[in-house]
Protein backbone atom coordinates (compact mmCIF):
# COMPACT_ATOMS: atom_id res chain seq x y z
CA MET A 1 -105.50 32.73 -7.21
CA HIS A 2 -104.64 29.11 -6.10
CA LEU A 3 -100.64 29.18 -6.19
CA LEU A 4 -101.16 32.58 -4.46
CA ILE A 5 -103.04 30.76 -1.85
CA LEU A 6 -101.10 27.99 -1.56
CA LEU A 7 -98.11 30.38 -1.07
CA HIS A 8 -99.81 32.41 1.56
CA ARG A 9 -100.78 28.87 3.64
CA TYR A 10 -97.71 27.26 3.52
CA ILE A 11 -95.25 30.66 4.31
CA GLY A 12 -98.08 31.60 7.24
CA ILE A 13 -97.38 28.13 8.81
CA GLY A 14 -93.58 29.37 8.90
CA ILE A 15 -93.54 32.50 9.85
CA GLY A 16 -97.42 33.01 11.33
CA LEU A 17 -95.74 31.75 14.63
CA LEU A 18 -93.06 34.74 14.78
CA ILE A 19 -96.04 37.09 13.68
CA VAL A 20 -97.85 36.39 16.52
CA LEU A 21 -94.48 36.58 18.98
CA TRP A 22 -94.30 39.80 17.36
CA CYS A 23 -97.48 40.90 18.03
CA LEU A 24 -97.25 39.41 21.86
CA SER A 25 -94.20 40.79 22.29
CA GLY A 26 -95.22 44.32 21.43
CA PHE A 27 -97.89 44.51 24.56
CA VAL A 28 -94.68 43.73 26.74
CA MET A 29 -93.07 46.37 25.45
CA MET A 30 -95.29 49.12 25.90
CA TYR A 31 -94.59 48.76 29.41
CA VAL A 32 -91.39 47.37 29.66
CA GLN A 33 -88.04 48.66 28.07
CA TYR A 34 -84.50 46.70 27.45
CA PRO A 35 -82.24 47.37 30.22
CA SER A 36 -80.10 50.52 29.93
CA GLU A 37 -78.66 53.22 32.41
CA SER A 38 -80.01 56.48 31.58
CA ARG A 39 -77.83 59.65 32.54
CA THR A 40 -79.62 60.20 35.92
CA GLU A 41 -79.84 56.91 36.96
CA GLN A 42 -75.93 56.65 36.44
CA LEU A 43 -75.57 59.87 38.53
CA ALA A 44 -78.01 59.20 41.58
CA LYS A 45 -75.48 56.22 42.28
CA LEU A 46 -71.79 57.93 41.95
CA ASP A 47 -70.23 59.26 45.12
CA ARG A 48 -70.21 62.81 45.79
CA LEU A 49 -66.68 64.33 43.98
CA ASP A 50 -63.94 65.34 46.62
CA LEU A 51 -61.24 67.52 44.93
CA ASP A 52 -59.60 68.52 48.06
CA ASP A 53 -55.54 67.68 47.45
CA CYS A 54 -56.41 67.59 43.49
CA CYS A 55 -55.17 67.72 40.66
CA LEU A 56 -51.84 65.56 39.89
CA VAL A 57 -51.54 64.02 37.00
CA PRO A 58 -49.36 61.52 35.06
CA ASP A 59 -46.55 63.78 33.43
CA TYR A 60 -45.55 60.69 30.91
CA TRP A 61 -48.79 61.29 29.25
CA ALA A 62 -47.70 62.53 25.62
CA GLN A 63 -49.25 65.85 25.69
CA ASP A 64 -51.03 66.03 22.19
CA LEU A 65 -53.04 62.98 22.60
CA VAL A 66 -56.25 63.10 20.94
CA LEU A 67 -59.39 62.73 22.93
CA ASP A 68 -62.91 61.46 22.25
CA ALA A 69 -64.13 62.30 26.07
CA ALA A 70 -62.51 63.52 29.52
CA GLU A 71 -64.36 63.08 32.81
CA VAL A 72 -63.56 63.20 36.24
CA GLU A 73 -65.30 60.87 38.73
CA SER A 74 -65.11 59.41 41.91
CA LEU A 75 -63.44 55.37 42.15
CA LEU A 76 -63.54 54.49 45.53
CA GLY A 77 -63.44 57.62 47.47
CA LYS A 78 -60.79 59.21 44.87
CA PRO A 79 -61.04 61.42 42.47
CA THR A 80 -60.19 59.70 39.13
CA LEU A 81 -59.71 60.94 35.67
CA ARG A 82 -61.04 58.84 32.87
CA LEU A 83 -59.59 59.70 29.12
CA THR A 84 -61.47 58.35 26.29
CA ARG A 85 -58.61 58.43 23.33
CA ALA A 86 -59.73 58.78 19.62
CA GLY A 87 -60.01 55.93 18.19
CA GLY A 88 -60.34 53.76 21.13
CA GLY A 89 -58.98 53.06 24.60
CA ILE A 90 -59.28 54.07 28.07
CA LEU A 91 -56.52 55.78 30.26
CA LEU A 92 -57.35 55.87 34.18
CA ALA A 93 -55.23 58.27 36.25
CA ASP A 94 -55.39 58.97 40.35
CA LEU A 95 -55.34 62.75 40.88
CA ARG A 96 -54.44 62.77 44.12
CA SER A 97 -51.32 60.70 43.71
CA GLY A 98 -51.10 61.19 40.00
CA ARG A 99 -49.99 57.92 38.79
CA SER A 100 -51.92 56.44 36.43
CA VAL A 101 -54.29 53.07 37.38
CA ASP A 102 -52.69 51.02 34.92
CA ARG A 103 -55.41 48.09 35.49
CA ILE A 104 -58.87 47.40 37.41
CA THR A 105 -58.00 44.41 39.97
CA GLU A 106 -60.30 42.04 41.42
CA ASP A 107 -59.72 43.43 44.88
CA MET A 108 -60.34 47.15 43.43
CA VAL A 109 -63.37 45.32 41.67
CA GLN A 110 -65.01 43.85 44.72
CA ALA A 111 -64.35 46.90 46.86
CA VAL A 112 -67.19 48.47 44.50
CA ALA A 113 -69.64 45.79 44.78
CA GLU A 114 -68.89 46.71 48.04
CA ARG A 115 -69.66 50.27 48.15
CA TYR A 116 -72.54 50.45 45.54
CA ALA A 117 -74.23 46.91 47.85
CA LYS A 118 -73.90 49.75 51.09
CA ARG A 119 -76.10 52.09 49.57
CA ALA A 120 -78.74 49.65 49.20
CA GLU A 121 -77.97 48.46 52.86
CA GLU A 122 -78.31 44.83 51.52
CA THR A 123 -75.61 42.05 51.26
CA PHE A 124 -74.59 40.59 47.71
CA SER A 125 -72.98 38.15 46.27
CA SER A 126 -70.55 37.44 43.38
CA LEU A 127 -71.68 35.77 40.41
CA GLY A 128 -68.19 36.02 38.22
CA GLN A 129 -66.82 37.50 35.55
CA LEU A 130 -68.41 37.19 31.85
CA GLU A 131 -67.71 38.51 28.27
CA ARG A 132 -71.36 39.24 27.66
CA ASP A 133 -74.72 38.05 28.64
CA GLN A 134 -78.27 38.80 27.33
CA TRP A 135 -78.37 42.23 29.08
CA THR A 136 -74.89 43.24 28.04
CA VAL A 137 -74.31 42.10 24.14
CA GLN A 138 -74.71 45.63 22.66
CA GLY A 139 -71.60 46.93 21.02
CA GLY A 140 -71.78 50.17 23.63
CA TYR A 141 -70.34 47.63 26.26
CA ASN A 142 -67.43 46.69 24.03
CA ALA A 143 -64.80 48.84 26.15
CA HIS A 144 -65.86 47.27 29.16
CA ARG A 145 -65.17 43.64 28.82
CA PRO A 146 -65.02 41.66 30.56
CA LEU A 147 -67.50 42.57 32.88
CA TYR A 148 -67.97 41.46 36.68
CA LEU A 149 -71.46 40.30 38.05
CA PHE A 150 -72.86 40.78 41.32
CA ALA A 151 -76.43 40.41 43.03
CA LEU A 152 -77.97 41.67 46.00
CA ASN A 153 -79.72 39.52 48.75
CA ASP A 154 -83.03 41.28 47.92
CA ALA A 155 -86.50 41.71 46.80
CA SER A 156 -85.78 42.65 43.57
CA ALA A 157 -83.29 40.08 42.63
CA THR A 158 -81.11 43.04 41.41
CA GLN A 159 -78.33 42.37 39.55
CA TRP A 160 -75.32 44.81 38.52
CA TYR A 161 -72.30 44.84 35.79
CA ILE A 162 -68.77 46.48 36.80
CA SER A 163 -66.12 47.40 34.42
CA SER A 164 -63.21 45.55 34.64
CA THR A 165 -61.48 48.57 32.51
CA THR A 166 -63.03 51.61 34.34
CA GLY A 167 -64.39 50.37 37.68
CA GLN A 168 -67.64 51.46 36.81
CA VAL A 169 -70.98 49.86 37.62
CA VAL A 170 -72.45 49.89 33.75
CA LEU A 171 -75.77 48.57 33.86
CA GLU A 172 -78.34 47.30 36.83
CA THR A 173 -81.40 44.96 36.29
CA GLU A 174 -83.97 43.85 38.56
CA GLY A 175 -85.61 40.58 38.56
CA SER A 176 -88.69 41.38 36.95
CA GLU A 177 -86.97 43.64 34.09
CA ARG A 178 -85.36 40.55 33.17
CA PHE A 179 -88.28 38.19 33.25
CA TRP A 180 -90.63 40.52 31.32
CA ASN A 181 -88.02 41.48 28.66
CA TRP A 182 -87.27 37.35 27.87
CA LEU A 183 -91.06 37.97 26.52
CA GLY A 184 -90.45 41.41 24.89
CA SER A 185 -87.69 43.16 23.56
CA VAL A 186 -85.67 39.37 23.13
CA VAL A 187 -88.72 38.05 20.96
CA HIS A 188 -89.25 41.09 19.41
CA TRP A 189 -85.59 42.09 18.17
CA LEU A 190 -84.98 38.42 17.37
CA TYR A 191 -82.62 38.95 20.17
CA PRO A 192 -80.52 35.75 21.71
CA THR A 193 -77.28 36.43 22.82
CA GLU A 194 -75.50 34.12 20.33
CA LEU A 195 -77.35 35.77 17.53
CA ARG A 196 -77.39 39.50 18.21
CA ARG A 197 -73.26 39.19 19.03
CA HIS A 198 -72.42 38.31 15.30
CA VAL A 199 -74.70 41.58 14.03
CA GLY A 200 -74.08 41.37 10.45
CA VAL A 201 -75.54 37.97 10.62
CA TRP A 202 -78.50 39.08 13.69
CA SER A 203 -79.08 41.91 11.20
CA GLN A 204 -79.60 39.89 7.92
CA VAL A 205 -81.85 37.47 9.60
CA VAL A 206 -83.86 40.14 10.92
CA ILE A 207 -84.28 42.08 7.71
CA TRP A 208 -85.19 38.79 5.85
CA THR A 209 -87.86 37.46 7.93
CA SER A 210 -89.19 40.58 8.03
CA LEU A 211 -89.55 40.81 4.12
CA VAL A 212 -90.99 37.39 4.24
CA GLY A 213 -93.73 38.86 6.55
CA VAL A 214 -94.26 42.17 4.22
CA PHE A 215 -94.87 39.25 1.37
CA LEU A 216 -96.83 37.00 3.28
CA THR A 217 -99.07 40.27 4.54
CA LEU A 218 -99.74 41.46 0.84
CA THR A 219 -100.75 38.20 -0.63
CA GLY A 220 -103.21 38.14 2.63
CA ILE A 221 -104.49 41.41 1.62
CA TYR A 222 -104.77 40.39 -1.93
CA ILE A 223 -106.69 37.49 -1.48
CA GLY A 224 -109.00 38.59 1.39
CA ILE A 225 -109.98 41.43 -1.26
CA ALA A 226 -110.25 39.32 -4.31
CA ARG A 227 -112.15 36.30 -2.18
CA TYR A 228 -114.76 39.02 -0.89
CA ARG A 229 -117.92 39.33 -2.56
CA TRP A 230 -118.81 42.61 -3.05
CA GLY A 231 -122.27 42.46 -4.54
CA GLY A 232 -125.64 40.11 -4.59
CA ASP A 233 -127.45 37.93 -2.40
CA GLN A 234 -124.37 36.62 -1.58
CA ARG A 235 -122.29 39.18 -0.28
CA GLY A 236 -119.82 38.96 2.17
CA SER A 237 -116.90 36.49 3.01
CA PRO A 238 -117.34 32.81 1.38
CA TYR A 239 -115.54 30.92 4.43
CA ARG A 240 -117.04 30.02 7.78
CA GLY A 241 -115.60 28.78 11.04
CA TRP A 242 -111.95 29.89 11.80
CA LEU A 243 -111.78 30.91 8.10
CA ILE A 244 -113.90 33.34 8.18
CA TRP A 245 -112.47 35.36 11.37
CA HIS A 246 -109.33 35.00 9.87
CA HIS A 247 -110.55 36.62 6.40
CA TYR A 248 -112.52 39.63 8.60
CA LEU A 249 -109.67 40.48 10.46
CA GLY A 250 -107.53 40.54 8.00
CA LEU A 251 -109.70 42.70 5.90
CA VAL A 252 -109.87 45.21 8.81
CA PHE A 253 -106.14 44.95 10.57
CA GLY A 254 -104.22 43.44 6.94
CA ILE A 255 -103.37 47.17 6.74
CA LEU A 256 -102.07 48.25 10.05
CA THR A 257 -100.33 44.70 10.32
CA LEU A 258 -98.33 45.30 7.03
CA THR A 259 -97.65 49.03 8.43
CA TRP A 260 -96.08 47.20 10.89
CA VAL A 261 -93.60 44.68 9.57
CA VAL A 262 -92.85 47.43 7.08
CA SER A 263 -91.55 49.85 9.60
CA GLY A 264 -90.25 47.12 11.69
CA LEU A 265 -88.53 46.25 8.69
CA LEU A 266 -87.30 50.09 8.16
CA SER A 267 -86.06 49.87 11.87
CA MET A 268 -83.04 48.13 10.32
CA ASN A 269 -81.96 50.78 7.91
CA PRO A 270 -82.23 47.37 5.08
CA PHE A 271 -79.45 48.21 2.34
CA GLY A 272 -78.96 51.27 3.52
CA ALA A 273 -82.57 52.78 3.00
CA LEU A 274 -83.25 55.91 4.96
CA GLN A 275 -80.04 55.94 6.57
CA GLY A 276 -79.14 59.74 7.21
CA ARG A 277 -75.52 61.20 7.07
CA SER A 278 -73.08 60.77 9.83
CA PHE A 279 -73.47 64.77 10.44
CA GLU A 280 -69.54 64.04 11.77
CA ASP A 281 -68.31 67.72 10.17
CA GLU A 282 -71.31 69.81 11.87
CA ARG A 283 -70.35 67.79 15.49
CA ASN A 284 -66.49 69.02 15.00
CA ASN A 285 -68.06 72.28 14.20
CA VAL A 286 -69.89 72.94 17.15
CA VAL A 287 -66.57 71.90 19.24
CA GLY A 288 -64.49 74.10 16.78
CA THR A 289 -61.37 72.98 18.15
CA ARG A 290 -59.72 69.21 19.35
CA LEU A 291 -59.74 67.83 22.81
CA THR A 292 -56.06 67.04 24.12
CA TYR A 293 -54.48 65.84 26.90
CA GLU A 294 -52.69 68.72 27.46
CA LYS A 295 -55.91 71.15 27.74
CA VAL A 296 -57.62 69.06 30.00
CA VAL A 297 -54.44 69.12 32.63
CA SER A 298 -54.35 72.87 32.71
CA GLU A 299 -57.82 73.27 32.93
CA LEU A 300 -57.98 70.44 35.91
CA ARG A 301 -55.49 72.55 37.61
CA ARG A 302 -57.62 75.65 37.80
CA LEU A 303 -60.70 72.97 39.70
CA ASN A 304 -61.59 73.05 43.31
CA SER A 305 -64.19 72.01 45.31
CA ASP A 306 -65.21 75.59 46.25
CA VAL A 307 -66.37 76.33 42.65
CA LEU A 308 -68.40 72.79 42.26
CA PRO A 309 -72.14 72.45 42.52
CA GLU A 310 -73.45 71.22 46.13
CA ASN A 311 -73.14 67.00 45.78
CA THR A 312 -71.23 67.44 42.29
CA VAL A 313 -70.81 63.32 41.34
CA ARG A 314 -68.91 63.91 37.71
CA LEU A 315 -67.07 66.23 35.43
CA SER A 316 -67.06 65.89 32.24
CA ALA A 317 -64.92 68.04 29.34
CA SER A 318 -67.03 70.09 26.92
CA ALA A 319 -65.83 72.47 24.33
CA PHE A 320 -68.22 74.64 22.54
CA ALA A 321 -67.04 77.43 19.49
CA GLY A 322 -63.23 76.29 20.29
CA GLU A 323 -63.82 77.14 24.39
CA PHE A 324 -63.41 74.68 26.80
CA ALA A 325 -65.10 73.87 29.87
CA TRP A 326 -66.14 71.06 32.85
CA ILE A 327 -70.11 70.07 33.17
CA ALA A 328 -70.09 69.39 36.38
CA TRP A 329 -72.77 67.00 37.34
CA THR A 330 -75.24 66.28 40.09
CA ALA A 331 -76.50 63.46 41.48
CA GLU A 332 -79.68 65.07 41.24
CA GLY A 333 -79.48 65.23 37.60
CA ARG A 334 -78.40 69.20 37.29
CA SER A 335 -75.88 70.36 35.62
CA LEU A 336 -73.65 73.85 35.71
CA ARG A 337 -71.33 75.08 32.71
CA ILE A 338 -67.54 75.98 34.33
CA GLY A 339 -65.44 78.26 32.55
CA ALA A 340 -64.96 79.60 28.96
CA GLY A 341 -67.49 82.80 30.35
CA GLY A 342 -69.85 81.23 31.97
CA SER A 343 -73.17 79.08 30.57
CA LEU A 344 -73.78 79.35 26.90
CA ASN A 345 -77.03 81.36 25.92
CA LEU A 346 -78.97 81.76 22.55
CA ALA A 347 -76.59 85.11 21.90
CA LYS A 348 -73.41 82.65 21.69
CA LEU A 349 -75.28 80.11 19.71
CA ARG A 350 -76.00 83.27 17.02
CA ASP A 351 -72.27 84.16 17.07
CA HIS A 352 -71.15 80.50 16.27
CA ALA A 353 -73.78 78.98 14.63
CA PRO A 354 -72.88 80.15 10.48
CA ALA A 355 -69.98 78.31 11.80
CA ILE A 356 -71.56 74.76 12.19
CA ARG A 357 -73.16 74.31 8.85
CA PRO A 358 -70.51 76.93 6.50
CA GLY A 359 -72.72 78.52 3.79
CA ALA A 360 -75.81 77.20 4.84
CA ALA A 361 -78.99 79.21 5.04
CA ILE A 362 -80.35 78.95 8.58
CA ASP A 363 -84.31 79.24 8.75
CA SER A 364 -84.83 79.35 12.47
CA MET A 365 -82.77 78.89 15.91
CA GLY A 366 -84.13 79.33 19.51
CA SER A 367 -84.49 77.23 23.05
CA MET A 368 -86.62 75.00 23.49
CA GLU A 369 -88.28 73.14 26.62
CA VAL A 370 -90.64 70.85 25.47
CA GLY A 371 -90.29 68.07 22.25
CA ASP A 372 -91.30 68.98 18.72
CA SER A 373 -91.93 66.55 15.95
CA TYR A 374 -88.21 65.25 15.87
CA TYR A 375 -86.74 65.37 19.39
CA TYR A 376 -88.65 64.28 22.04
CA ASN A 377 -89.72 62.27 25.35
CA HIS A 378 -92.08 58.79 24.51
CA HIS A 379 -90.23 55.25 25.67
CA ASP A 380 -87.10 57.31 26.19
CA THR A 381 -86.02 60.14 27.99
CA ARG A 382 -83.84 63.45 26.66
CA PRO A 383 -82.60 66.06 28.02
CA PHE A 384 -84.25 70.09 28.09
CA PRO A 385 -83.75 72.07 27.03
CA VAL A 386 -82.09 72.73 23.93
CA PHE A 387 -81.06 74.30 21.26
CA ARG A 388 -82.55 73.96 17.83
CA ILE A 389 -81.19 75.18 14.76
CA ILE A 390 -83.40 74.74 11.50
CA TYR A 391 -82.27 75.16 8.08
CA SER A 392 -83.98 76.34 4.95
CA ASP A 393 -83.49 72.97 3.62
CA GLY A 394 -85.20 71.06 6.56
CA ASP A 395 -82.13 69.81 8.43
CA ARG A 396 -82.34 70.36 12.08
CA LEU A 397 -79.29 70.42 14.64
CA TYR A 398 -80.10 69.99 18.43
CA LEU A 399 -77.86 71.07 21.08
CA ASP A 400 -77.50 70.58 24.73
CA GLU A 401 -77.90 74.08 26.14
CA SER A 402 -75.48 73.19 29.04
CA SER A 403 -72.72 71.54 27.03
CA GLY A 404 -73.13 72.81 23.37
CA GLN A 405 -72.91 69.12 22.60
CA LEU A 406 -74.82 68.32 19.17
CA LEU A 407 -77.21 65.61 20.63
CA GLN A 408 -79.35 64.82 17.39
CA ALA A 409 -79.28 65.69 14.35
CA VAL A 410 -81.95 65.26 11.43
CA ASP A 411 -81.87 65.41 7.42
CA SER A 412 -84.54 64.08 4.90
CA ASN A 413 -83.89 60.39 5.07
CA ARG A 414 -83.92 60.78 8.87
CA ARG A 415 -86.93 62.60 8.39
CA TRP A 416 -88.58 59.99 6.77
CA ASN A 417 -87.23 57.11 8.87
CA ARG A 418 -89.14 59.14 11.66
CA TRP A 419 -92.92 59.15 10.29
CA LEU A 420 -92.39 55.41 8.37
CA PHE A 421 -90.73 53.79 11.97
CA ASN A 422 -91.68 55.93 14.97
CA GLY A 423 -95.18 57.13 13.17
CA LEU A 424 -96.11 53.71 11.69
CA HIS A 425 -94.70 51.55 14.07
CA SER A 426 -95.25 53.29 17.83
CA GLY A 427 -98.31 55.26 16.74
CA ASP A 428 -96.86 58.70 17.89
CA PHE A 429 -97.82 61.02 14.88
CA ALA A 430 -98.27 63.82 16.94
CA ALA A 431 -97.68 64.91 20.52
CA TRP A 432 -101.42 64.73 21.54
CA ALA A 433 -100.94 61.02 20.34
CA ARG A 434 -98.17 60.28 22.68
CA GLN A 435 -100.63 61.29 25.76
CA ARG A 436 -101.32 58.34 28.28
CA PRO A 437 -103.54 56.94 29.02
CA LEU A 438 -104.50 57.62 25.13
CA TRP A 439 -101.78 56.34 23.48
CA ASP A 440 -102.37 53.11 25.92
CA ILE A 441 -105.93 52.68 24.74
CA PHE A 442 -105.28 53.32 20.96
CA MET A 443 -102.65 51.08 20.47
CA LEU A 444 -103.92 48.42 22.84
CA LEU A 445 -106.96 48.07 20.45
CA LEU A 446 -104.99 47.98 17.49
CA LEU A 447 -102.41 44.93 18.92
CA VAL A 448 -105.48 42.90 19.87
CA GLY A 449 -107.06 42.75 16.44
CA VAL A 450 -103.81 42.30 14.61
CA THR A 451 -103.07 39.88 16.97
CA PHE A 452 -106.20 37.90 16.96
CA GLY A 453 -105.90 38.04 13.48
CA SER A 454 -102.59 36.65 13.63
CA ILE A 455 -103.54 33.55 15.83
CA THR A 456 -106.15 32.56 13.69
CA GLY A 457 -103.99 32.07 10.48
CA VAL A 458 -101.25 30.03 12.80
CA TYR A 459 -104.60 28.30 13.96
CA LEU A 460 -105.43 27.18 10.58
CA GLY A 461 -101.79 26.24 9.25
CA TYR A 462 -101.91 23.93 12.34
CA LYS A 463 -105.08 22.22 11.28
CA ARG A 464 -103.46 22.15 8.16
CA LEU A 465 -100.31 20.47 9.11
CA THR A 466 -102.76 17.75 11.47
CA ARG A 467 -105.10 17.29 9.09
């Protein structure tokens, strides 16, 4: 017991402050999320797509070029085709001239920034070119590096990033968002730029600090129970002062602290634990065909402004069961499937469902307007309605009703991860528990208890060091 107490004390001095910071940053993360651009936010900032005098394409690109994605958006007032090649790489083409856009020049970037600032009716300034910073450190921005950073001269201290490869605005942040994330996500995820840019190192740092946190919490719970007097006149804690507060808070909130540290550890899928399969076969079977440049070109030539919904700002190539279609997106976030027999419906899903997982028994399928236990809105907003397929082995697929795209897939490992991470870490065990302000009250009370328990431990460690 003496050795255990020494281990708990000195490990607590080393990592106790980090646990306090995890708790304090958790308060912030309840209300401020890490900067990102949702599809709805992206669409709202795009120019209307005008397909008049469209669509000419480069005839020197390989017709059998295999693509991961194809989109049409307005770039500086011109309809522009953007192709993402299978295996990486982006191609751009001006659909009015039929010429490829080989590079995004600084003049083009400046023009994009001017149009963007004009929407806000504000002046702006350039902050230069950068490879990455705190808000663009994730791998999702790799295809757009280097990035151009601009700032609006507005009260919100708005900044935005323009891709050097596509000319798109890929992210917008505000000053308050950046400030609170320095106190929230950056601390909570151990996310400083220089560490996070080395993904493997960052992952190991988070995993091993979490494991030490688990050991610290487990030893604290054991010592707390062992030291408590369970009977007689001396029943209760043998400690006084700050020690008694640490003892009782540990007894009451120790298990909760442990579940939060463990669930945070599981979010990293340590050593492959609870990492679900890729569902790559199902994703390919949903589509049912390869997307090629030849197919995109043939379908582009059928397009004109008359077939587009009012205020269309983006066209996305899509395929379902081997049938190609364009998904037209409006600035308001509405979508319409153009071509391939019109919109998708349950009858088409039932016809194609057996081919998505050949030989797998289907338990149920249908349309879902609101979330279930595995696909739902909480901090992030997911598209609805969706098609849901549930297999007899428990696996689930969620498909977008406009495009048929596989949005999310769940197997046994992902089910466990959902309950052990989202459930334990965020308290969203059921739809009613996610309702606000009930969720806020519940989480705030728990966070206060765990935070004070951790603070008392840090204070006791500080006293020991300065004695």
